[in-house]
Structures are given as structure tokens and as C-alpha cells.
Amino acid sequence: MSNINLQFGKAVRRLRKKRGWSQEKLAELAGLHWTYIGRIERGRQNISLANVGKIARALKISVEKLFKGVH
């Protein structure tokens, strides 16, 4: 996968772990499957904008903040 997928996945993982959440917890709050979250965090999933929004809402941050540090 692309470098942006890897960077985005690392950002999701960092924010999830900062909250002390498991992948299952984030998935539940975002309305997604935990294996999908795992693929995102490993940079192996090309995520849709709709799902970016779901993850941002679950983490209670803006989409812009979710992309902070992603180049």
C-alpha cells in the first residue's frame, strides 16, 4: 500500500492507544469491524472518506486533526 496509508494508519493507532482503547473498542464506537481497523492501522486498507469521518467522530477529533502529520 501507499505511504499515505501507512502514515494514516500510524496516526489512527497512536490516537487509539492514547485513549487506552483496543481495536475492538474503536471499531464498536465507529460502527466498523475490528479487522478493518487492524488493516487501516497496518496501512493495508484504502479507507473511504465516510469511514475516515466515522473514525474521527469515534475519537472525538476533527478529520483535520486525524490527518495531522500525514504527508
Protein backbone atom coordinates (compact mmCIF):
# COMPACT_ATOMS: atom_id res chain seq x y z
CA MET A 1 0.00 0.00 0.00
CA SER A 2 0.98 3.61 -0.30
CA ASN A 3 3.00 5.63 2.17
CA ILE A 4 -0.05 7.78 2.98
CA ASN A 5 -1.96 4.67 4.07
CA LEU A 6 0.89 3.72 6.40
CA GLN A 7 1.12 7.22 7.86
CA PHE A 8 -2.65 7.46 8.33
CA GLY A 9 -2.73 4.04 9.97
CA LYS A 10 0.02 5.03 12.40
CA ALA A 11 -1.94 8.17 13.30
CA VAL A 12 -5.09 6.14 14.00
CA ARG A 13 -3.12 3.65 16.12
CA ARG A 14 -1.40 6.44 18.09
CA LEU A 15 -4.68 8.20 18.86
CA ARG A 16 -6.43 4.93 19.75
CA LYS A 17 -3.66 3.86 22.10
CA LYS A 18 -3.53 7.34 23.65
CA ARG A 19 -7.10 6.70 24.78
CA GLY A 20 -6.26 3.22 26.02
CA TRP A 21 -8.69 1.62 23.59
CA SER A 22 -8.46 -1.73 21.87
CA GLN A 23 -9.11 -2.04 18.15
CA GLU A 24 -12.40 -3.64 19.09
CA LYS A 25 -13.44 -0.61 21.17
CA LEU A 26 -12.60 1.86 18.39
CA ALA A 27 -14.40 -0.33 15.86
CA GLU A 28 -17.50 -0.50 18.06
CA LEU A 29 -17.59 3.27 18.56
CA ALA A 30 -17.02 3.91 14.83
CA GLY A 31 -19.52 1.29 13.66
CA LEU A 32 -16.83 -0.65 11.81
CA HIS A 33 -15.37 -4.16 12.12
CA TRP A 34 -12.26 -4.61 14.27
CA THR A 35 -10.39 -6.39 11.47
CA TYR A 36 -10.99 -3.34 9.26
CA ILE A 37 -9.42 -1.12 11.96
CA GLY A 38 -6.45 -3.51 12.07
CA ARG A 39 -5.97 -3.28 8.30
CA ILE A 40 -6.15 0.52 8.48
CA GLU A 41 -3.56 0.65 11.26
CA ARG A 42 -1.20 -1.59 9.27
CA GLY A 43 -1.63 0.60 6.17
CA ARG A 44 -3.22 -2.25 4.22
CA GLN A 45 -6.65 -0.69 3.78
CA ASN A 46 -7.54 2.08 1.35
CA ILE A 47 -10.12 3.80 3.57
CA SER A 48 -13.11 5.77 2.29
CA LEU A 49 -13.78 9.35 3.35
CA ALA A 50 -17.01 8.22 5.01
CA ASN A 51 -15.05 5.84 7.23
CA VAL A 52 -12.42 8.49 7.97
CA GLY A 53 -15.30 10.57 9.32
CA LYS A 54 -16.60 7.67 11.42
CA ILE A 55 -13.18 7.13 12.99
CA ALA A 56 -12.71 10.85 13.66
CA ARG A 57 -16.14 11.04 15.35
CA ALA A 58 -15.39 7.96 17.42
CA LEU A 59 -12.09 9.50 18.55
CA LYS A 60 -13.91 12.83 19.15
CA ILE A 61 -11.50 14.78 16.98
CA SER A 62 -11.73 16.65 13.70
CA VAL A 63 -10.84 14.98 10.43
CA GLU A 64 -8.08 17.58 10.09
CA LYS A 65 -6.54 16.52 13.39
CA LEU A 66 -6.72 12.88 12.35
CA PHE A 67 -4.55 13.74 9.33
CA LYS A 68 -2.03 15.76 11.35
CA GLY A 69 1.46 14.55 10.44
CA VAL A 70 0.27 12.64 7.35
CA HIS A 71 2.11 13.84 4.24
